[in-house]
Amino acid sequence: MRLLSRYQMVSLLEGRLPSNKLKLVMAWIEIHRDELMADWELASKGENPYKIDPLK
């Protein structure tokens, strides 16, 4: 599974996920959006990203 998040939009690029699972992933992304964006900035500078709590 591959997801793309760009400019506040998330799309499933490859693979399949049952809709109920996809909704959970999308909710997790929304909850952690700021952390994900901060990690993206770090990673794009070659720095190590912080750990983000997994989906529970």
N, C-alpha and C. Protein backbone atom coordinates (compact mmCIF):
# COMPACT_ATOMS: atom_id res chain seq x y z
N MET A 1 0.85 -1.17 0.00
CA MET A 1 0.00 0.00 0.00
C MET A 1 0.89 1.22 0.00
N ARG A 2 0.54 2.21 -0.83
CA ARG A 2 1.24 3.48 -0.85
C ARG A 2 0.22 4.59 -0.75
N LEU A 3 0.51 5.56 0.10
CA LEU A 3 -0.36 6.72 0.25
C LEU A 3 0.41 7.97 -0.14
N LEU A 4 -0.28 8.92 -0.70
CA LEU A 4 0.32 10.20 -1.04
C LEU A 4 -0.42 11.28 -0.29
N SER A 5 0.32 12.12 0.40
CA SER A 5 -0.28 13.26 1.09
C SER A 5 0.38 14.52 0.55
N ARG A 6 -0.39 15.35 -0.08
CA ARG A 6 0.16 16.57 -0.64
C ARG A 6 -0.88 17.68 -0.49
N TYR A 7 -0.47 18.78 0.11
CA TYR A 7 -1.35 19.92 0.26
C TYR A 7 -2.68 19.54 0.92
N GLN A 8 -2.59 18.83 2.01
CA GLN A 8 -3.74 18.45 2.81
C GLN A 8 -4.64 17.42 2.14
N MET A 9 -4.17 16.79 1.06
CA MET A 9 -4.96 15.76 0.40
C MET A 9 -4.22 14.43 0.49
N VAL A 10 -4.93 13.38 0.78
CA VAL A 10 -4.33 12.05 0.88
C VAL A 10 -5.01 11.15 -0.13
N SER A 11 -4.20 10.41 -0.88
CA SER A 11 -4.74 9.49 -1.88
C SER A 11 -4.03 8.15 -1.77
N LEU A 12 -4.76 7.09 -1.97
CA LEU A 12 -4.20 5.75 -2.04
C LEU A 12 -3.63 5.59 -3.45
N LEU A 13 -2.32 5.41 -3.54
CA LEU A 13 -1.66 5.33 -4.85
C LEU A 13 -1.60 3.92 -5.40
N GLU A 14 -1.46 2.96 -4.51
CA GLU A 14 -1.21 1.60 -4.96
C GLU A 14 -1.76 0.62 -3.94
N GLY A 15 -2.27 -0.46 -4.39
CA GLY A 15 -2.77 -1.50 -3.49
C GLY A 15 -4.23 -1.28 -3.11
N ARG A 16 -4.70 -2.15 -2.25
CA ARG A 16 -6.09 -2.08 -1.80
C ARG A 16 -6.15 -2.15 -0.29
N LEU A 17 -7.18 -1.53 0.24
CA LEU A 17 -7.42 -1.56 1.67
C LEU A 17 -8.93 -1.54 1.85
N PRO A 18 -9.46 -2.44 2.67
CA PRO A 18 -10.90 -2.41 2.92
C PRO A 18 -11.32 -1.02 3.42
N SER A 19 -12.49 -0.60 3.03
CA SER A 19 -12.93 0.77 3.34
C SER A 19 -12.91 1.08 4.83
N ASN A 20 -13.26 0.10 5.69
CA ASN A 20 -13.24 0.38 7.12
C ASN A 20 -11.81 0.60 7.62
N LYS A 21 -10.85 -0.11 7.06
CA LYS A 21 -9.44 0.08 7.43
C LYS A 21 -8.91 1.39 6.88
N LEU A 22 -9.30 1.72 5.65
CA LEU A 22 -8.88 2.98 5.06
C LEU A 22 -9.39 4.16 5.89
N LYS A 23 -10.60 4.06 6.39
CA LYS A 23 -11.14 5.13 7.24
C LYS A 23 -10.31 5.29 8.51
N LEU A 24 -9.86 4.18 9.08
CA LEU A 24 -9.00 4.26 10.27
C LEU A 24 -7.67 4.94 9.95
N VAL A 25 -7.08 4.58 8.81
CA VAL A 25 -5.81 5.20 8.40
C VAL A 25 -6.01 6.69 8.16
N MET A 26 -7.08 7.05 7.49
CA MET A 26 -7.35 8.47 7.21
C MET A 26 -7.56 9.24 8.51
N ALA A 27 -8.24 8.64 9.48
CA ALA A 27 -8.45 9.29 10.78
C ALA A 27 -7.11 9.48 11.48
N TRP A 28 -6.24 8.45 11.42
CA TRP A 28 -4.92 8.55 12.04
C TRP A 28 -4.12 9.69 11.39
N ILE A 29 -4.18 9.78 10.07
CA ILE A 29 -3.47 10.86 9.36
C ILE A 29 -3.98 12.22 9.82
N GLU A 30 -5.27 12.36 9.94
CA GLU A 30 -5.85 13.63 10.37
C GLU A 30 -5.40 13.99 11.79
N ILE A 31 -5.40 13.01 12.68
CA ILE A 31 -4.97 13.24 14.06
C ILE A 31 -3.50 13.65 14.14
N HIS A 32 -2.67 13.05 13.28
CA HIS A 32 -1.23 13.27 13.33
C HIS A 32 -0.70 14.15 12.20
N ARG A 33 -1.59 14.89 11.54
CA ARG A 33 -1.18 15.69 10.38
C ARG A 33 -0.01 16.61 10.67
N ASP A 34 -0.05 17.34 11.78
CA ASP A 34 1.04 18.27 12.10
C ASP A 34 2.36 17.53 12.32
N GLU A 35 2.29 16.40 13.02
CA GLU A 35 3.49 15.59 13.25
C GLU A 35 4.04 15.04 11.94
N LEU A 36 3.15 14.61 11.06
CA LEU A 36 3.57 14.08 9.77
C LEU A 36 4.26 15.16 8.93
N MET A 37 3.70 16.34 8.94
CA MET A 37 4.30 17.43 8.17
C MET A 37 5.66 17.83 8.75
N ALA A 38 5.77 17.87 10.08
CA ALA A 38 7.05 18.19 10.71
C ALA A 38 8.09 17.12 10.37
N ASP A 39 7.69 15.85 10.41
CA ASP A 39 8.60 14.77 10.06
C ASP A 39 9.01 14.84 8.60
N TRP A 40 8.08 15.23 7.74
CA TRP A 40 8.41 15.37 6.32
C TRP A 40 9.49 16.44 6.13
N GLU A 41 9.34 17.55 6.84
CA GLU A 41 10.34 18.62 6.75
C GLU A 41 11.70 18.13 7.23
N LEU A 42 11.73 17.42 8.35
CA LEU A 42 13.00 16.88 8.85
C LEU A 42 13.62 15.91 7.84
N ALA A 43 12.82 14.98 7.36
CA ALA A 43 13.33 13.97 6.42
C ALA A 43 13.83 14.61 5.12
N SER A 44 13.15 15.64 4.66
CA SER A 44 13.56 16.29 3.41
C SER A 44 14.89 17.03 3.58
N LYS A 45 15.28 17.32 4.84
CA LYS A 45 16.57 17.95 5.13
C LYS A 45 17.63 16.91 5.48
N GLY A 46 17.26 15.63 5.39
CA GLY A 46 18.20 14.57 5.70
C GLY A 46 18.31 14.26 7.19
N GLU A 47 17.40 14.83 7.97
CA GLU A 47 17.40 14.59 9.41
C GLU A 47 16.46 13.43 9.74
N ASN A 48 16.67 12.84 10.90
CA ASN A 48 15.80 11.73 11.32
C ASN A 48 14.46 12.25 11.81
N PRO A 49 13.38 11.66 11.33
CA PRO A 49 12.04 12.07 11.81
C PRO A 49 11.78 11.53 13.20
N TYR A 50 10.87 12.18 13.88
CA TYR A 50 10.43 11.71 15.20
C TYR A 50 9.48 10.54 15.03
N LYS A 51 9.37 9.71 16.06
CA LYS A 51 8.42 8.61 16.02
C LYS A 51 7.02 9.17 16.27
N ILE A 52 6.06 8.61 15.57
CA ILE A 52 4.66 8.99 15.73
C ILE A 52 3.92 7.76 16.26
N ASP A 53 3.07 7.96 17.25
CA ASP A 53 2.31 6.86 17.81
C ASP A 53 1.55 6.11 16.71
N PRO A 54 1.59 4.79 16.75
CA PRO A 54 0.89 3.99 15.74
C PRO A 54 -0.62 4.03 15.95
N LEU A 55 -1.30 3.54 14.96
CA LEU A 55 -2.75 3.39 15.03
C LEU A 55 -3.09 2.36 16.10
N LYS A 56 -3.99 2.70 16.98
CA LYS A 56 -4.34 1.78 18.08
C LYS A 56 -5.74 1.28 17.94
